[in-house]
C-alpha cells in the first residue's frame, strides 16, 4: 500500500494543456483553476478550467479523456 504521507510529484498527466484560443472569438483563454483527484482505481486525473476574457465562455480540459469541453 502506498504511503499517503509521501509528497505528490506532478506527472505529465496532471500538467496543464498548451494554450488554446476561444473557438468563438479567437482570444487566448485564461487559466482559472485546476483540480487533481485520485479515482477509486488509484489513477490520478486532473481537470483545468479556462475562461475567455472577451466573451466569458468557459471551457475545461480533462486529463482522463484528453479533450476540451465547453462548460454550460
N, C-alpha and C. Protein backbone atom coordinates (compact mmCIF):
# COMPACT_ATOMS: atom_id res chain seq x y z
N UNK A 1 0.84 -1.18 0.00
CA UNK A 1 0.00 0.00 0.00
C UNK A 1 0.88 1.24 0.00
N UNK A 2 0.60 2.23 -0.85
CA UNK A 2 1.47 3.41 -0.93
C UNK A 2 1.35 4.27 0.33
N UNK A 3 2.43 4.96 0.64
CA UNK A 3 2.47 5.84 1.80
C UNK A 3 1.68 7.10 1.47
N UNK A 4 0.60 7.38 2.21
CA UNK A 4 -0.23 8.54 1.91
C UNK A 4 0.42 9.83 2.35
N UNK A 5 1.47 9.74 3.14
CA UNK A 5 2.18 10.94 3.58
C UNK A 5 3.26 11.37 2.60
N UNK A 6 3.51 10.58 1.61
CA UNK A 6 4.56 10.91 0.63
C UNK A 6 4.15 12.14 -0.17
N UNK A 7 5.09 13.04 -0.44
CA UNK A 7 4.75 14.24 -1.21
C UNK A 7 4.36 13.88 -2.64
N UNK A 8 3.43 14.63 -3.16
CA UNK A 8 2.99 14.41 -4.54
C UNK A 8 3.96 15.05 -5.51
N UNK A 9 4.22 14.35 -6.56
CA UNK A 9 5.06 14.90 -7.62
C UNK A 9 4.21 15.04 -8.86
N UNK A 10 4.27 16.19 -9.52
CA UNK A 10 3.45 16.36 -10.71
C UNK A 10 3.90 15.44 -11.82
N UNK A 11 2.96 14.79 -12.47
CA UNK A 11 3.28 13.93 -13.60
C UNK A 11 2.86 14.62 -14.89
N UNK A 12 3.21 14.05 -15.99
CA UNK A 12 2.84 14.64 -17.26
C UNK A 12 1.34 14.61 -17.49
N UNK A 13 0.63 13.67 -16.80
CA UNK A 13 -0.82 13.60 -16.94
C UNK A 13 -1.52 14.76 -16.25
N UNK A 14 -0.92 15.32 -15.21
CA UNK A 14 -1.56 16.39 -14.47
C UNK A 14 -1.12 17.77 -14.95
N UNK A 15 -0.19 17.84 -15.87
CA UNK A 15 0.27 19.13 -16.39
C UNK A 15 -0.84 19.77 -17.22
N UNK A 16 -0.96 21.10 -17.15
CA UNK A 16 -1.99 21.76 -17.94
C UNK A 16 -1.71 21.64 -19.43
N UNK A 17 -2.73 21.66 -20.24
CA UNK A 17 -2.54 21.56 -21.69
C UNK A 17 -1.93 22.84 -22.24
N UNK A 18 -1.41 22.81 -23.45
CA UNK A 18 -0.85 24.03 -24.04
C UNK A 18 -1.95 25.06 -24.25
N UNK A 19 -1.56 26.31 -24.45
CA UNK A 19 -2.51 27.40 -24.65
C UNK A 19 -3.51 27.11 -25.76
N UNK A 20 -4.68 27.64 -25.59
CA UNK A 20 -5.75 27.42 -26.57
C UNK A 20 -6.52 28.71 -26.74
N UNK A 21 -7.07 28.89 -27.94
CA UNK A 21 -7.88 30.07 -28.23
C UNK A 21 -9.36 29.72 -28.19
N UNK A 22 -10.16 30.71 -27.84
CA UNK A 22 -11.61 30.53 -27.79
C UNK A 22 -12.13 30.29 -29.20
N UNK A 23 -12.94 29.25 -29.42
CA UNK A 23 -13.46 28.98 -30.76
C UNK A 23 -14.47 30.04 -31.23
N UNK A 24 -15.02 30.81 -30.31
CA UNK A 24 -15.99 31.85 -30.67
C UNK A 24 -15.34 33.13 -31.15
N UNK A 25 -14.38 33.64 -30.36
CA UNK A 25 -13.82 34.96 -30.68
C UNK A 25 -12.31 34.97 -30.91
N UNK A 26 -11.66 33.80 -30.83
CA UNK A 26 -10.23 33.61 -31.13
C UNK A 26 -9.29 34.34 -30.17
N UNK A 27 -9.74 34.67 -28.95
CA UNK A 27 -8.90 35.27 -27.91
C UNK A 27 -8.30 34.14 -27.08
N UNK A 28 -7.06 34.30 -26.62
CA UNK A 28 -6.41 33.27 -25.83
C UNK A 28 -7.14 33.08 -24.49
N UNK A 29 -7.45 31.83 -24.16
CA UNK A 29 -8.14 31.52 -22.92
C UNK A 29 -7.22 31.73 -21.72
N UNK A 30 -7.80 32.12 -20.58
CA UNK A 30 -7.03 32.32 -19.36
C UNK A 30 -7.34 31.20 -18.39
N UNK A 31 -6.29 30.66 -17.78
CA UNK A 31 -6.43 29.57 -16.81
C UNK A 31 -7.10 30.12 -15.55
N UNK A 32 -8.13 29.43 -15.09
CA UNK A 32 -8.87 29.89 -13.92
C UNK A 32 -8.54 29.05 -12.68
N UNK A 33 -8.61 27.72 -12.79
CA UNK A 33 -8.32 26.84 -11.66
C UNK A 33 -8.04 25.43 -12.13
N UNK A 34 -7.46 24.63 -11.24
CA UNK A 34 -7.15 23.23 -11.53
C UNK A 34 -7.61 22.35 -10.38
N UNK A 35 -8.00 21.14 -10.72
CA UNK A 35 -8.37 20.13 -9.74
C UNK A 35 -7.57 18.87 -10.05
N UNK A 36 -7.05 18.23 -9.01
CA UNK A 36 -6.38 16.95 -9.18
C UNK A 36 -7.04 15.96 -8.24
N UNK A 37 -7.45 14.81 -8.80
CA UNK A 37 -8.13 13.80 -8.00
C UNK A 37 -7.51 12.44 -8.26
N UNK A 38 -7.75 11.54 -7.34
CA UNK A 38 -7.32 10.15 -7.48
C UNK A 38 -8.60 9.32 -7.42
N UNK A 39 -8.90 8.65 -8.51
CA UNK A 39 -10.12 7.86 -8.59
C UNK A 39 -10.05 6.60 -7.74
N UNK A 40 -11.11 5.84 -7.75
CA UNK A 40 -11.17 4.60 -6.98
C UNK A 40 -10.09 3.61 -7.40
N UNK A 41 -9.68 3.67 -8.67
CA UNK A 41 -8.65 2.76 -9.15
C UNK A 41 -7.24 3.24 -8.79
N UNK A 42 -7.13 4.46 -8.24
CA UNK A 42 -5.83 4.99 -7.86
C UNK A 42 -5.16 5.80 -8.95
N UNK A 43 -5.81 5.94 -10.09
CA UNK A 43 -5.25 6.70 -11.21
C UNK A 43 -5.48 8.19 -10.97
N UNK A 44 -4.42 8.97 -11.07
CA UNK A 44 -4.52 10.41 -10.87
C UNK A 44 -5.04 11.05 -12.15
N UNK A 45 -6.03 11.93 -12.01
CA UNK A 45 -6.52 12.69 -13.15
C UNK A 45 -6.66 14.14 -12.73
N UNK A 46 -6.61 15.02 -13.70
CA UNK A 46 -6.72 16.44 -13.39
C UNK A 46 -7.69 17.10 -14.35
N UNK A 47 -8.26 18.19 -13.88
CA UNK A 47 -9.18 18.98 -14.69
C UNK A 47 -8.76 20.43 -14.57
N UNK A 48 -8.67 21.11 -15.70
CA UNK A 48 -8.25 22.50 -15.74
C UNK A 48 -9.38 23.33 -16.32
N UNK A 49 -9.74 24.40 -15.63
CA UNK A 49 -10.82 25.28 -16.08
C UNK A 49 -10.22 26.54 -16.69
N UNK A 50 -10.79 26.95 -17.81
CA UNK A 50 -10.35 28.14 -18.53
C UNK A 50 -11.55 29.03 -18.81
N UNK A 51 -11.30 30.34 -18.90
CA UNK A 51 -12.35 31.29 -19.23
C UNK A 51 -11.84 32.23 -20.32
N UNK A 52 -12.76 32.65 -21.20
CA UNK A 52 -12.41 33.60 -22.24
C UNK A 52 -12.66 35.00 -21.70
N UNK A 53 -11.65 35.88 -21.71
CA UNK A 53 -11.85 37.23 -21.16
C UNK A 53 -12.74 38.12 -22.05
N UNK A 54 -12.92 37.74 -23.30
CA UNK A 54 -13.72 38.58 -24.20
C UNK A 54 -15.21 38.25 -24.16
N UNK A 55 -15.55 36.96 -24.24
CA UNK A 55 -16.97 36.59 -24.32
C UNK A 55 -17.47 35.81 -23.11
N UNK A 56 -16.62 35.62 -22.10
CA UNK A 56 -16.98 34.92 -20.85
C UNK A 56 -17.37 33.46 -21.04
N UNK A 57 -16.99 32.84 -22.15
CA UNK A 57 -17.23 31.41 -22.34
C UNK A 57 -16.28 30.66 -21.41
N UNK A 58 -16.72 29.50 -20.91
CA UNK A 58 -15.90 28.70 -20.01
C UNK A 58 -15.67 27.33 -20.62
N UNK A 59 -14.44 26.84 -20.46
CA UNK A 59 -14.04 25.55 -21.01
C UNK A 59 -13.29 24.77 -19.96
N UNK A 60 -13.26 23.44 -20.11
CA UNK A 60 -12.47 22.60 -19.23
C UNK A 60 -11.71 21.59 -20.06
N UNK A 61 -10.54 21.22 -19.55
CA UNK A 61 -9.73 20.18 -20.17
C UNK A 61 -9.49 19.12 -19.12
N UNK A 62 -9.77 17.87 -19.45
CA UNK A 62 -9.63 16.77 -18.52
C UNK A 62 -8.53 15.84 -19.01
N UNK A 63 -7.64 15.46 -18.08
CA UNK A 63 -6.57 14.54 -18.45
C UNK A 63 -7.11 13.12 -18.60
N UNK A 64 -8.27 12.84 -18.01
CA UNK A 64 -8.84 11.50 -18.07
C UNK A 64 -9.22 11.12 -19.50
N UNK A 65 -9.91 12.04 -20.20
CA UNK A 65 -10.32 11.73 -21.57
C UNK A 65 -9.57 12.56 -22.62
N UNK A 66 -8.64 13.40 -22.18
CA UNK A 66 -7.78 14.16 -23.09
C UNK A 66 -8.56 14.99 -24.09
N UNK A 67 -9.59 15.71 -23.62
CA UNK A 67 -10.33 16.56 -24.56
C UNK A 67 -10.87 17.81 -23.88
N UNK A 68 -11.14 18.80 -24.71
CA UNK A 68 -11.71 20.06 -24.28
C UNK A 68 -13.23 19.96 -24.33
N UNK A 69 -13.88 20.59 -23.37
CA UNK A 69 -15.35 20.67 -23.37
C UNK A 69 -15.78 22.05 -22.90
N UNK A 70 -16.87 22.52 -23.47
CA UNK A 70 -17.41 23.81 -23.04
C UNK A 70 -18.29 23.58 -21.80
N UNK A 71 -18.16 24.45 -20.82
CA UNK A 71 -18.95 24.36 -19.60
C UNK A 71 -20.17 25.25 -19.78
N UNK A 72 -21.33 24.69 -19.60
CA UNK A 72 -22.58 25.46 -19.79
C UNK A 72 -23.11 25.94 -18.48
